[in-house]
Amino acid sequence: MRLSELVRKELVGMQDGKKYGLLEHAELVIEPQTGELLGIEVKSPKTWKGKNRDTLFFISWQDIQVIGNEYVLFQRENS
């Protein structure tokens, strides 16, 4: 799967069914020395006042359960 395909998918929590937005608004976290994909930082939505987007939480790559046609489902261990 290409990154351009992944960013169009919506992130959904399996515990609560809550939608956390499209992955195009999140940040992939990659270990610079090894190139290993560590996970995804989910950001708060950009406000109309232009405030900085803060990280809401981090999803480890191991917590991703399913990458489907439209959604990426995750289940965090510490939730």
N, C-alpha and C. Protein backbone atom coordinates (compact mmCIF):
# COMPACT_ATOMS: atom_id res chain seq x y z
N MET A 1 0.85 -1.18 0.00
CA MET A 1 0.00 0.00 0.00
C MET A 1 0.89 1.24 0.00
N ARG A 2 0.50 2.21 -0.77
CA ARG A 2 1.24 3.46 -0.86
C ARG A 2 0.76 4.44 0.21
N LEU A 3 1.65 5.34 0.61
CA LEU A 3 1.29 6.36 1.58
C LEU A 3 0.13 7.21 1.08
N SER A 4 0.09 7.49 -0.21
CA SER A 4 -1.00 8.29 -0.77
C SER A 4 -2.36 7.61 -0.61
N GLU A 5 -2.38 6.28 -0.53
CA GLU A 5 -3.62 5.54 -0.29
C GLU A 5 -3.96 5.54 1.21
N LEU A 6 -2.95 5.40 2.04
CA LEU A 6 -3.15 5.32 3.48
C LEU A 6 -3.72 6.61 4.06
N VAL A 7 -3.26 7.76 3.57
CA VAL A 7 -3.69 9.04 4.15
C VAL A 7 -5.16 9.35 3.88
N ARG A 8 -5.79 8.65 2.95
CA ARG A 8 -7.21 8.87 2.65
C ARG A 8 -8.13 8.05 3.55
N LYS A 9 -7.57 7.24 4.41
CA LYS A 9 -8.37 6.37 5.27
C LYS A 9 -8.67 7.06 6.60
N GLU A 10 -9.81 6.71 7.18
CA GLU A 10 -10.23 7.30 8.46
C GLU A 10 -9.81 6.39 9.60
N LEU A 11 -9.32 6.98 10.67
CA LEU A 11 -8.84 6.27 11.85
C LEU A 11 -10.00 6.07 12.82
N VAL A 12 -10.25 4.80 13.21
CA VAL A 12 -11.39 4.49 14.07
C VAL A 12 -10.93 3.62 15.24
N GLY A 13 -11.33 3.99 16.46
CA GLY A 13 -11.02 3.20 17.65
C GLY A 13 -11.98 2.03 17.77
N MET A 14 -11.44 0.84 18.00
CA MET A 14 -12.30 -0.35 18.12
C MET A 14 -13.05 -0.39 19.44
N GLN A 15 -12.50 0.21 20.51
CA GLN A 15 -13.15 0.18 21.81
C GLN A 15 -14.46 0.96 21.81
N ASP A 16 -14.42 2.16 21.22
CA ASP A 16 -15.57 3.05 21.29
C ASP A 16 -16.23 3.35 19.95
N GLY A 17 -15.62 2.91 18.86
CA GLY A 17 -16.16 3.20 17.53
C GLY A 17 -16.00 4.64 17.11
N LYS A 18 -15.27 5.42 17.91
CA LYS A 18 -15.09 6.84 17.63
C LYS A 18 -14.18 7.04 16.42
N LYS A 19 -14.55 7.99 15.59
CA LYS A 19 -13.74 8.34 14.42
C LYS A 19 -12.81 9.49 14.80
N TYR A 20 -11.52 9.30 14.52
CA TYR A 20 -10.50 10.28 14.89
C TYR A 20 -9.99 11.08 13.70
N GLY A 21 -10.66 10.99 12.59
CA GLY A 21 -10.29 11.77 11.42
C GLY A 21 -9.45 11.01 10.42
N LEU A 22 -9.17 11.67 9.33
CA LEU A 22 -8.37 11.07 8.27
C LEU A 22 -6.90 11.03 8.66
N LEU A 23 -6.21 10.03 8.18
CA LEU A 23 -4.79 9.91 8.48
C LEU A 23 -3.97 11.03 7.86
N GLU A 24 -4.52 11.74 6.88
CA GLU A 24 -3.79 12.86 6.31
C GLU A 24 -3.59 13.97 7.34
N HIS A 25 -4.36 13.96 8.42
CA HIS A 25 -4.22 14.95 9.47
C HIS A 25 -3.40 14.45 10.65
N ALA A 26 -2.92 13.22 10.56
CA ALA A 26 -2.09 12.63 11.61
C ALA A 26 -0.63 12.65 11.15
N GLU A 27 0.26 12.26 12.06
CA GLU A 27 1.69 12.21 11.74
C GLU A 27 2.20 10.79 11.90
N LEU A 28 2.89 10.27 10.89
CA LEU A 28 3.56 8.99 11.02
C LEU A 28 4.87 9.22 11.77
N VAL A 29 5.19 8.34 12.71
CA VAL A 29 6.42 8.45 13.48
C VAL A 29 7.35 7.33 13.04
N ILE A 30 8.51 7.71 12.52
CA ILE A 30 9.48 6.76 11.97
C ILE A 30 10.80 6.91 12.70
N GLU A 31 11.41 5.77 13.07
CA GLU A 31 12.73 5.77 13.70
C GLU A 31 13.75 6.14 12.63
N PRO A 32 14.46 7.27 12.78
CA PRO A 32 15.35 7.74 11.72
C PRO A 32 16.54 6.81 11.42
N GLN A 33 17.06 6.14 12.43
CA GLN A 33 18.22 5.28 12.19
C GLN A 33 17.86 4.00 11.45
N THR A 34 16.70 3.42 11.76
CA THR A 34 16.34 2.12 11.19
C THR A 34 15.28 2.21 10.10
N GLY A 35 14.53 3.31 10.07
CA GLY A 35 13.43 3.44 9.13
C GLY A 35 12.17 2.71 9.58
N GLU A 36 12.19 2.17 10.81
CA GLU A 36 11.04 1.43 11.33
C GLU A 36 9.87 2.37 11.60
N LEU A 37 8.68 1.96 11.18
CA LEU A 37 7.46 2.73 11.46
C LEU A 37 7.03 2.43 12.89
N LEU A 38 7.09 3.44 13.76
CA LEU A 38 6.77 3.26 15.18
C LEU A 38 5.29 3.40 15.47
N GLY A 39 4.62 4.33 14.78
CA GLY A 39 3.20 4.53 15.03
C GLY A 39 2.68 5.81 14.43
N ILE A 40 1.56 6.25 14.98
CA ILE A 40 0.83 7.41 14.46
C ILE A 40 0.53 8.36 15.60
N GLU A 41 0.84 9.64 15.42
CA GLU A 41 0.42 10.68 16.36
C GLU A 41 -0.88 11.28 15.85
N VAL A 42 -1.91 11.16 16.66
CA VAL A 42 -3.21 11.73 16.30
C VAL A 42 -3.25 13.15 16.83
N LYS A 43 -3.55 14.09 15.95
CA LYS A 43 -3.55 15.52 16.29
C LYS A 43 -4.96 16.03 16.51
N SER A 44 -5.06 17.07 17.33
CA SER A 44 -6.34 17.75 17.48
C SER A 44 -6.63 18.52 16.20
N PRO A 45 -7.90 18.68 15.88
CA PRO A 45 -8.23 19.41 14.65
C PRO A 45 -7.77 20.87 14.72
N LYS A 46 -7.44 21.41 13.57
CA LYS A 46 -7.04 22.82 13.50
C LYS A 46 -8.28 23.68 13.75
N THR A 47 -8.14 24.65 14.62
CA THR A 47 -9.29 25.49 14.95
C THR A 47 -9.36 26.69 14.00
N TRP A 48 -10.50 27.32 14.00
CA TRP A 48 -10.66 28.49 13.14
C TRP A 48 -9.80 29.64 13.60
N LYS A 49 -9.36 29.62 14.85
CA LYS A 49 -8.50 30.68 15.37
C LYS A 49 -7.04 30.46 15.00
N GLY A 50 -6.73 29.32 14.35
CA GLY A 50 -5.38 29.07 13.90
C GLY A 50 -4.42 28.62 15.00
N LYS A 51 -4.94 28.08 16.09
CA LYS A 51 -4.08 27.60 17.16
C LYS A 51 -3.27 26.40 16.69
N ASN A 52 -2.17 26.14 17.37
CA ASN A 52 -1.35 24.99 17.04
C ASN A 52 -2.13 23.70 17.29
N ARG A 53 -1.83 22.72 16.45
CA ARG A 53 -2.45 21.41 16.62
C ARG A 53 -1.61 20.62 17.60
N ASP A 54 -2.19 20.20 18.71
CA ASP A 54 -1.50 19.44 19.73
C ASP A 54 -1.74 17.95 19.51
N THR A 55 -0.78 17.14 19.94
CA THR A 55 -0.94 15.70 19.88
C THR A 55 -1.96 15.25 20.92
N LEU A 56 -2.99 14.54 20.49
CA LEU A 56 -3.98 14.00 21.41
C LEU A 56 -3.47 12.71 22.04
N PHE A 57 -2.94 11.81 21.20
CA PHE A 57 -2.38 10.56 21.70
C PHE A 57 -1.56 9.89 20.61
N PHE A 58 -0.82 8.88 21.02
CA PHE A 58 0.04 8.12 20.12
C PHE A 58 -0.52 6.71 19.99
N ILE A 59 -0.57 6.20 18.77
CA ILE A 59 -0.99 4.83 18.51
C ILE A 59 0.22 4.07 18.00
N SER A 60 0.64 3.07 18.75
CA SER A 60 1.75 2.23 18.32
C SER A 60 1.35 1.45 17.06
N TRP A 61 2.31 1.19 16.19
CA TRP A 61 2.01 0.44 14.97
C TRP A 61 1.46 -0.95 15.32
N GLN A 62 1.87 -1.50 16.46
CA GLN A 62 1.37 -2.81 16.88
C GLN A 62 -0.10 -2.76 17.30
N ASP A 63 -0.61 -1.58 17.60
CA ASP A 63 -2.01 -1.43 18.00
C ASP A 63 -2.96 -1.33 16.81
N ILE A 64 -2.42 -1.19 15.60
CA ILE A 64 -3.26 -1.17 14.40
C ILE A 64 -3.73 -2.59 14.15
N GLN A 65 -5.05 -2.78 14.12
CA GLN A 65 -5.63 -4.12 13.97
C GLN A 65 -5.98 -4.45 12.52
N VAL A 66 -6.58 -3.47 11.82
CA VAL A 66 -7.06 -3.71 10.46
C VAL A 66 -6.84 -2.45 9.62
N ILE A 67 -6.34 -2.63 8.41
CA ILE A 67 -6.31 -1.55 7.42
C ILE A 67 -7.24 -1.98 6.31
N GLY A 68 -8.43 -1.38 6.29
CA GLY A 68 -9.44 -1.76 5.32
C GLY A 68 -9.48 -0.79 4.14
N ASN A 69 -10.54 -0.90 3.34
CA ASN A 69 -10.70 -0.05 2.16
C ASN A 69 -10.90 1.42 2.52
N GLU A 70 -11.62 1.67 3.64
CA GLU A 70 -11.94 3.05 4.02
C GLU A 70 -11.43 3.43 5.40
N TYR A 71 -11.17 2.43 6.26
CA TYR A 71 -10.85 2.70 7.65
C TYR A 71 -9.58 1.99 8.10
N VAL A 72 -8.94 2.58 9.11
CA VAL A 72 -7.85 1.94 9.84
C VAL A 72 -8.37 1.77 11.26
N LEU A 73 -8.48 0.52 11.71
CA LEU A 73 -8.99 0.23 13.04
C LEU A 73 -7.83 -0.02 13.99
N PHE A 74 -7.93 0.57 15.19
CA PHE A 74 -6.87 0.37 16.18
C PHE A 74 -7.49 0.06 17.53
N GLN A 75 -6.71 -0.63 18.36
CA GLN A 75 -7.11 -0.94 19.72
C GLN A 75 -5.88 -0.78 20.59
N ARG A 76 -5.87 0.27 21.40
CA ARG A 76 -4.72 0.56 22.25
C ARG A 76 -4.76 -0.31 23.50
N GLU A 77 -3.59 -0.80 23.89
CA GLU A 77 -3.46 -1.66 25.06
C GLU A 77 -3.80 -0.92 26.35
N ASN A 78 -3.39 0.37 26.44
CA ASN A 78 -3.55 1.12 27.68
C ASN A 78 -4.86 1.91 27.75
N SER A 79 -5.83 1.58 26.94
CA SER A 79 -7.10 2.31 26.96
C SER A 79 -8.11 1.62 27.84
